[in-house]
Amino acid sequence: MSTNTISKIALTIIALILVGYGMRVDSPTLRWVGIAFLVAAFALRFIKPPVEGE
């Protein structure tokens, strides 16, 4: 797996944990931080992987 894929997975897992915990303790700040992590993971989708041999 590439580092880009690993970072997307890690950011998504962190986002799910933060959103879930934010809902559990009724904290809108934690939910918004979790949503921001999810947006960051989605934005990484548009970064092109490096081409081998260049």
PDB file of N, CA and C in Angstrom:
ATOM      1  N   MET A   1       0.838  -1.177   0.000  1.00  0.00           N
ATOM      2  CA  MET A   1       0.000   0.000   0.000  1.00  0.00           C
ATOM      3  C   MET A   1       0.881   1.237   0.000  1.00  0.00           C
ATOM      4  N   SER A   2       0.430   2.244  -0.688  1.00  0.00           N
ATOM      5  CA  SER A   2       1.195   3.487  -0.741  1.00  0.00           C
ATOM      6  C   SER A   2       0.926   4.314   0.520  1.00  0.00           C
ATOM      7  N   THR A   3       1.799   5.282   0.744  1.00  0.00           N
ATOM      8  CA  THR A   3       1.622   6.142   1.921  1.00  0.00           C
ATOM      9  C   THR A   3       0.358   6.979   1.799  1.00  0.00           C
ATOM     10  N   ASN A   4      -0.023   7.297   0.569  1.00  0.00           N
ATOM     11  CA  ASN A   4      -1.255   8.059   0.354  1.00  0.00           C
ATOM     12  C   ASN A   4      -2.471   7.238   0.801  1.00  0.00           C
ATOM     13  N   THR A   5      -2.489   5.978   0.469  1.00  0.00           N
ATOM     14  CA  THR A   5      -3.597   5.110   0.860  1.00  0.00           C
ATOM     15  C   THR A   5      -3.634   4.925   2.372  1.00  0.00           C
ATOM     16  N   ILE A   6      -2.479   4.729   2.970  1.00  0.00           N
ATOM     17  CA  ILE A   6      -2.414   4.554   4.422  1.00  0.00           C
ATOM     18  C   ILE A   6      -2.891   5.809   5.136  1.00  0.00           C
ATOM     19  N   SER A   7      -2.507   6.983   4.642  1.00  0.00           N
ATOM     20  CA  SER A   7      -2.939   8.221   5.292  1.00  0.00           C
ATOM     21  C   SER A   7      -4.441   8.438   5.132  1.00  0.00           C
ATOM     22  N   LYS A   8      -5.009   8.060   3.973  1.00  0.00           N
ATOM     23  CA  LYS A   8      -6.457   8.184   3.792  1.00  0.00           C
ATOM     24  C   LYS A   8      -7.209   7.279   4.764  1.00  0.00           C
ATOM     25  N   ILE A   9      -6.730   6.052   4.915  1.00  0.00           N
ATOM     26  CA  ILE A   9      -7.374   5.118   5.835  1.00  0.00           C
ATOM     27  C   ILE A   9      -7.261   5.607   7.275  1.00  0.00           C
ATOM     28  N   ALA A  10      -6.074   6.089   7.643  1.00  0.00           N
ATOM     29  CA  ALA A  10      -5.861   6.576   9.008  1.00  0.00           C
ATOM     30  C   ALA A  10      -6.744   7.786   9.308  1.00  0.00           C
ATOM     31  N   LEU A  11      -6.818   8.722   8.380  1.00  0.00           N
ATOM     32  CA  LEU A  11      -7.665   9.901   8.588  1.00  0.00           C
ATOM     33  C   LEU A  11      -9.140   9.521   8.683  1.00  0.00           C
ATOM     34  N   THR A  12      -9.569   8.563   7.895  1.00  0.00           N
ATOM     35  CA  THR A  12     -10.963   8.128   7.942  1.00  0.00           C
ATOM     36  C   THR A  12     -11.279   7.461   9.279  1.00  0.00           C
ATOM     37  N   ILE A  13     -10.376   6.626   9.771  1.00  0.00           N
ATOM     38  CA  ILE A  13     -10.598   5.963  11.063  1.00  0.00           C
ATOM     39  C   ILE A  13     -10.637   6.985  12.185  1.00  0.00           C
ATOM     40  N   ILE A  14      -9.712   7.945  12.164  1.00  0.00           N
ATOM     41  CA  ILE A  14      -9.700   8.998  13.181  1.00  0.00           C
ATOM     42  C   ILE A  14     -11.000   9.800  13.118  1.00  0.00           C
ATOM     43  N   ALA A  15     -11.453  10.105  11.898  1.00  0.00           N
ATOM     44  CA  ALA A  15     -12.692  10.866  11.734  1.00  0.00           C
ATOM     45  C   ALA A  15     -13.883  10.115  12.314  1.00  0.00           C
ATOM     46  N   LEU A  16     -13.970   8.816  12.040  1.00  0.00           N
ATOM     47  CA  LEU A  16     -15.089   8.030  12.561  1.00  0.00           C
ATOM     48  C   LEU A  16     -15.073   7.970  14.086  1.00  0.00           C
ATOM     49  N   ILE A  17     -13.890   7.841  14.657  1.00  0.00           N
ATOM     50  CA  ILE A  17     -13.780   7.811  16.118  1.00  0.00           C
ATOM     51  C   ILE A  17     -14.208   9.148  16.714  1.00  0.00           C
ATOM     52  N   LEU A  18     -13.732  10.245  16.133  1.00  0.00           N
ATOM     53  CA  LEU A  18     -14.075  11.567  16.667  1.00  0.00           C
ATOM     54  C   LEU A  18     -15.560  11.880  16.525  1.00  0.00           C
ATOM     55  N   VAL A  19     -16.136  11.559  15.373  1.00  0.00           N
ATOM     56  CA  VAL A  19     -17.563  11.824  15.178  1.00  0.00           C
ATOM     57  C   VAL A  19     -18.393  10.958  16.123  1.00  0.00           C
ATOM     58  N   GLY A  20     -18.042   9.695  16.240  1.00  0.00           N
ATOM     59  CA  GLY A  20     -18.776   8.805  17.140  1.00  0.00           C
ATOM     60  C   GLY A  20     -18.679   9.241  18.591  1.00  0.00           C
ATOM     61  N   TYR A  21     -17.480   9.594  19.032  1.00  0.00           N
ATOM     62  CA  TYR A  21     -17.314  10.046  20.415  1.00  0.00           C
ATOM     63  C   TYR A  21     -17.999  11.396  20.633  1.00  0.00           C
ATOM     64  N   GLY A  22     -17.942  12.265  19.619  1.00  0.00           N
ATOM     65  CA  GLY A  22     -18.624  13.555  19.720  1.00  0.00           C
ATOM     66  C   GLY A  22     -20.128  13.400  19.848  1.00  0.00           C
ATOM     67  N   MET A  23     -20.691  12.403  19.180  1.00  0.00           N
ATOM     68  CA  MET A  23     -22.129  12.140  19.321  1.00  0.00           C
ATOM     69  C   MET A  23     -22.446  11.562  20.699  1.00  0.00           C
ATOM     70  N   ARG A  24     -21.547  10.704  21.171  1.00  0.00           N
ATOM     71  CA  ARG A  24     -21.787  10.058  22.460  1.00  0.00           C
ATOM     72  C   ARG A  24     -21.790  11.067  23.608  1.00  0.00           C
ATOM     73  N   VAL A  25     -20.840  12.012  23.586  1.00  0.00           N
ATOM     74  CA  VAL A  25     -20.745  12.986  24.679  1.00  0.00           C
ATOM     75  C   VAL A  25     -21.452  14.296  24.343  1.00  0.00           C
ATOM     76  N   ASP A  26     -22.129  14.333  23.198  1.00  0.00           N
ATOM     77  CA  ASP A  26     -22.887  15.501  22.742  1.00  0.00           C
ATOM     78  C   ASP A  26     -22.000  16.743  22.656  1.00  0.00           C
ATOM     79  N   SER A  27     -20.887  16.597  21.936  1.00  0.00           N
ATOM     80  CA  SER A  27     -19.938  17.694  21.755  1.00  0.00           C
ATOM     81  C   SER A  27     -19.870  18.074  20.278  1.00  0.00           C
ATOM     82  N   PRO A  28     -20.451  19.214  19.926  1.00  0.00           N
ATOM     83  CA  PRO A  28     -20.410  19.619  18.520  1.00  0.00           C
ATOM     84  C   PRO A  28     -18.988  19.911  18.030  1.00  0.00           C
ATOM     85  N   THR A  29     -18.114  20.324  18.917  1.00  0.00           N
ATOM     86  CA  THR A  29     -16.733  20.603  18.517  1.00  0.00           C
ATOM     87  C   THR A  29     -16.041  19.332  18.031  1.00  0.00           C
ATOM     88  N   LEU A  30     -16.173  18.249  18.768  1.00  0.00           N
ATOM     89  CA  LEU A  30     -15.566  16.986  18.353  1.00  0.00           C
ATOM     90  C   LEU A  30     -16.161  16.481  17.045  1.00  0.00           C
ATOM     91  N   ARG A  31     -17.462  16.667  16.882  1.00  0.00           N
ATOM     92  CA  ARG A  31     -18.092  16.241  15.622  1.00  0.00           C
ATOM     93  C   ARG A  31     -17.537  17.033  14.449  1.00  0.00           C
ATOM     94  N   TRP A  32     -17.372  18.351  14.603  1.00  0.00           N
ATOM     95  CA  TRP A  32     -16.854  19.164  13.509  1.00  0.00           C
ATOM     96  C   TRP A  32     -15.389  18.849  13.214  1.00  0.00           C
ATOM     97  N   VAL A  33     -14.613  18.545  14.243  1.00  0.00           N
ATOM     98  CA  VAL A  33     -13.219  18.150  14.012  1.00  0.00           C
ATOM     99  C   VAL A  33     -13.190  16.823  13.254  1.00  0.00           C
ATOM    100  N   GLY A  34     -14.063  15.897  13.616  1.00  0.00           N
ATOM    101  CA  GLY A  34     -14.157  14.630  12.903  1.00  0.00           C
ATOM    102  C   GLY A  34     -14.558  14.822  11.457  1.00  0.00           C
ATOM    103  N   ILE A  35     -15.481  15.721  11.208  1.00  0.00           N
ATOM    104  CA  ILE A  35     -15.894  16.019   9.838  1.00  0.00           C
ATOM    105  C   ILE A  35     -14.739  16.641   9.065  1.00  0.00           C
ATOM    106  N   ALA A  36     -13.950  17.483   9.711  1.00  0.00           N
ATOM    107  CA  ALA A  36     -12.793  18.088   9.054  1.00  0.00           C
ATOM    108  C   ALA A  36     -11.764  17.021   8.665  1.00  0.00           C
ATOM    109  N   PHE A  37     -11.547  16.033   9.542  1.00  0.00           N
ATOM    110  CA  PHE A  37     -10.645  14.933   9.203  1.00  0.00           C
ATOM    111  C   PHE A  37     -11.184  14.140   8.024  1.00  0.00           C
ATOM    112  N   LEU A  38     -12.487  13.935   7.971  1.00  0.00           N
ATOM    113  CA  LEU A  38     -13.086  13.210   6.857  1.00  0.00           C
ATOM    114  C   LEU A  38     -12.945  13.979   5.543  1.00  0.00           C
ATOM    115  N   VAL A  39     -13.099  15.296   5.603  1.00  0.00           N
ATOM    116  CA  VAL A  39     -12.901  16.123   4.414  1.00  0.00           C
ATOM    117  C   VAL A  39     -11.446  16.056   3.961  1.00  0.00           C
ATOM    118  N   ALA A  40     -10.517  16.049   4.905  1.00  0.00           N
ATOM    119  CA  ALA A  40      -9.097  15.941   4.554  1.00  0.00           C
ATOM    120  C   ALA A  40      -8.815  14.599   3.878  1.00  0.00           C
ATOM    121  N   ALA A  41      -9.406  13.526   4.384  1.00  0.00           N
ATOM    122  CA  ALA A  41      -9.217  12.212   3.767  1.00  0.00           C
ATOM    123  C   ALA A  41      -9.805  12.199   2.359  1.00  0.00           C
ATOM    124  N   PHE A  42     -10.932  12.851   2.173  1.00  0.00           N
ATOM    125  CA  PHE A  42     -11.546  12.919   0.847  1.00  0.00           C
ATOM    126  C   PHE A  42     -10.694  13.759  -0.096  1.00  0.00           C
ATOM    127  N   ALA A  43     -10.104  14.846   0.405  1.00  0.00           N
ATOM    128  CA  ALA A  43      -9.276  15.712  -0.433  1.00  0.00           C
ATOM    129  C   ALA A  43      -8.013  14.989  -0.890  1.00  0.00           C
ATOM    130  N   LEU A  44      -7.506  14.068  -0.081  1.00  0.00           N
ATOM    131  CA  LEU A  44      -6.324  13.303  -0.475  1.00  0.00           C
ATOM    132  C   LEU A  44      -6.598  12.410  -1.688  1.00  0.00           C
ATOM    133  N   ARG A  45      -7.857  12.189  -1.966  1.00  0.00           N
ATOM    134  CA  ARG A  45      -8.220  11.365  -3.111  1.00  0.00           C
ATOM    135  C   ARG A  45      -7.763  11.999  -4.423  1.00  0.00           C
ATOM    136  N   PHE A  46      -7.670  13.319  -4.451  1.00  0.00           N
ATOM    137  CA  PHE A  46      -7.351  14.029  -5.678  1.00  0.00           C
ATOM    138  C   PHE A  46      -5.856  14.258  -5.869  1.00  0.00           C
ATOM    139  N   ILE A  47      -5.040  13.821  -4.934  1.00  0.00           N
ATOM    140  CA  ILE A  47      -3.590  13.913  -5.089  1.00  0.00           C
ATOM    141  C   ILE A  47      -3.116  12.723  -5.908  1.00  0.00           C
ATOM    142  N   LYS A  48      -2.418  13.014  -6.983  1.00  0.00           N
ATOM    143  CA  LYS A  48      -1.949  11.974  -7.875  1.00  0.00           C
ATOM    144  C   LYS A  48      -0.744  11.255  -7.258  1.00  0.00           C
ATOM    145  N   PRO A  49      -0.688   9.925  -7.355  1.00  0.00           N
ATOM    146  CA  PRO A  49       0.479   9.195  -6.859  1.00  0.00           C
ATOM    147  C   PRO A  49       1.690   9.466  -7.764  1.00  0.00           C
ATOM    148  N   PRO A  50       2.881   9.416  -7.209  1.00  0.00           N
ATOM    149  CA  PRO A  50       4.066   9.648  -8.054  1.00  0.00           C
ATOM    150  C   PRO A  50       4.227   8.545  -9.098  1.00  0.00           C
ATOM    151  N   VAL A  51       4.707   8.921 -10.262  1.00  0.00           N
ATOM    152  CA  VAL A  51       4.912   7.988 -11.360  1.00  0.00           C
ATOM    153  C   VAL A  51       6.293   7.355 -11.192  1.00  0.00           C
ATOM    154  N   GLU A  52       6.354   6.045 -11.317  1.00  0.00           N
ATOM    155  CA  GLU A  52       7.628   5.332 -11.191  1.00  0.00           C
ATOM    156  C   GLU A  52       8.556   5.686 -12.361  1.00  0.00           C
ATOM    157  N   GLY A  53       9.823   5.905 -12.066  1.00  0.00           N
ATOM    158  CA  GLY A  53      10.802   6.149 -13.106  1.00  0.00           C
ATOM    159  C   GLY A  53      11.036   7.603 -13.446  1.00  0.00           C
ATOM    160  N   GLU A  54      10.400   8.507 -12.734  1.00  0.00           N
ATOM    161  CA  GLU A  54      10.624   9.938 -13.016  1.00  0.00           C
ATOM    162  C   GLU A  54      11.431  10.574 -11.921  1.00  0.00           C
TER     163      GLU A  54
END
